[in-house]
Protein backbone atom coordinates (compact mmCIF):
# COMPACT_ATOMS: atom_id res chain seq x y z
CA MET A 1 210.04 131.59 -9.92
CA LEU A 2 207.71 129.57 -7.71
CA LYS A 3 208.88 131.48 -4.64
CA GLU A 4 207.99 134.86 -6.19
CA ILE A 5 204.53 133.63 -7.18
CA LYS A 6 203.95 132.38 -3.64
CA TYR A 7 204.92 135.79 -2.17
CA LEU A 8 202.74 137.58 -4.72
CA ILE A 9 199.75 135.43 -3.73
CA PHE A 10 200.39 136.16 -0.03
CA VAL A 11 200.57 139.90 -0.69
CA VAL A 12 197.38 139.83 -2.78
CA ILE A 13 195.52 137.88 -0.07
CA ILE A 14 196.65 140.33 2.63
CA ILE A 15 195.64 143.34 0.53
CA LEU A 16 192.23 141.79 -0.23
CA PHE A 17 191.70 141.01 3.45
CA LEU A 18 192.49 144.58 4.46
CA PHE A 19 190.29 145.99 1.69
CA PHE A 20 187.24 143.89 2.54
CA THR A 21 187.67 144.43 6.27
CA GLY A 22 187.82 148.20 5.79
CA LYS A 23 184.91 148.13 3.36
CA TYR A 24 182.72 146.30 5.89
CA TYR A 25 183.88 148.38 8.85
CA PHE A 26 183.07 151.68 7.16
CA SER A 27 179.82 150.50 5.55
CA ASN A 28 176.56 152.21 6.49
CA GLU A 29 175.03 148.90 7.58
CA ASN A 30 177.75 148.28 10.15
CA ILE A 31 177.57 151.88 11.41
CA LYS A 32 173.78 151.59 11.87
CA ASN A 33 174.09 148.25 13.68
CA SER A 34 176.79 149.53 16.03
CA TYR A 35 174.77 152.68 16.81
CA ARG A 36 171.70 150.56 17.58
CA SER A 37 173.81 148.34 19.81
CA TYR A 38 175.15 151.34 21.75
CA LYS A 39 171.64 152.73 22.10
CA ASN A 40 170.32 149.39 23.45
CA ILE A 41 173.15 149.17 25.96
CA ASP A 42 172.44 152.70 27.21
CA GLU A 43 168.76 151.87 27.66
CA LYS A 44 169.58 148.67 29.54
CA ILE A 45 171.91 150.57 31.85
CA LYS A 46 169.23 153.16 32.61
CA VAL A 47 166.62 150.48 33.40
CA TYR A 48 169.05 148.51 35.54
CA SER A 49 170.24 151.57 37.45
CA LYS A 50 166.66 152.46 38.39
CA ASN A 51 166.20 149.03 40.01
CA LEU A 52 169.39 149.06 42.10
CA PRO A 53 168.77 148.76 45.83
CA LEU A 54 170.34 151.34 48.11
CA LEU A 55 172.42 149.94 50.95
CA LYS A 56 172.61 151.64 54.30
CA ASN A 57 175.89 153.12 55.40
CA ASP A 58 177.55 150.93 58.04
CA THR A 59 181.04 152.41 57.94
CA GLU A 60 180.76 154.92 60.75
CA ASN A 61 183.53 154.79 63.38
CA ILE A 62 185.30 151.90 61.70
CA ILE A 63 188.81 153.34 61.85
CA GLU A 64 190.60 153.01 65.16
CA TYR A 65 193.60 155.27 65.51
CA VAL A 66 196.62 153.91 67.38
CA LYS A 67 198.93 156.29 69.15
CA GLN A 68 202.51 155.75 68.00
CA THR A 69 205.27 155.62 70.54
CA ASP A 70 208.73 157.13 70.14
CA LYS A 71 210.48 153.78 70.12
CA LYS A 72 213.01 153.30 67.38
CA ARG A 73 211.66 150.98 64.82
CA LYS A 74 213.70 148.37 63.09
CA LYS A 75 214.05 149.32 59.47
CA ASN A 76 212.45 146.73 57.23
CA SER A 77 214.78 145.70 54.49
CA ILE A 78 214.80 142.70 52.24
CA PHE A 79 218.53 142.75 51.65
CA GLY A 80 219.60 143.76 55.16
CA ASN A 81 219.02 140.27 56.59
CA TYR A 82 221.59 138.55 54.36
């Protein structure tokens, strides 16, 4: 008898938690606050992006190409050495 009451209380608590969480999540107050938050973040990104310094390009002629020879290469293998 006591075990069933304990399980019933657990189920009721879980259902109440889900109900109140959903009620808050879908409330107009929460939707307004989240929209305002998104709007503030977008404005901050726009202001910050206007103040970014531009760096000069220093990557010209960085890659040096090596001519490969026709020598047979040793095949790399983890398990071939054992």
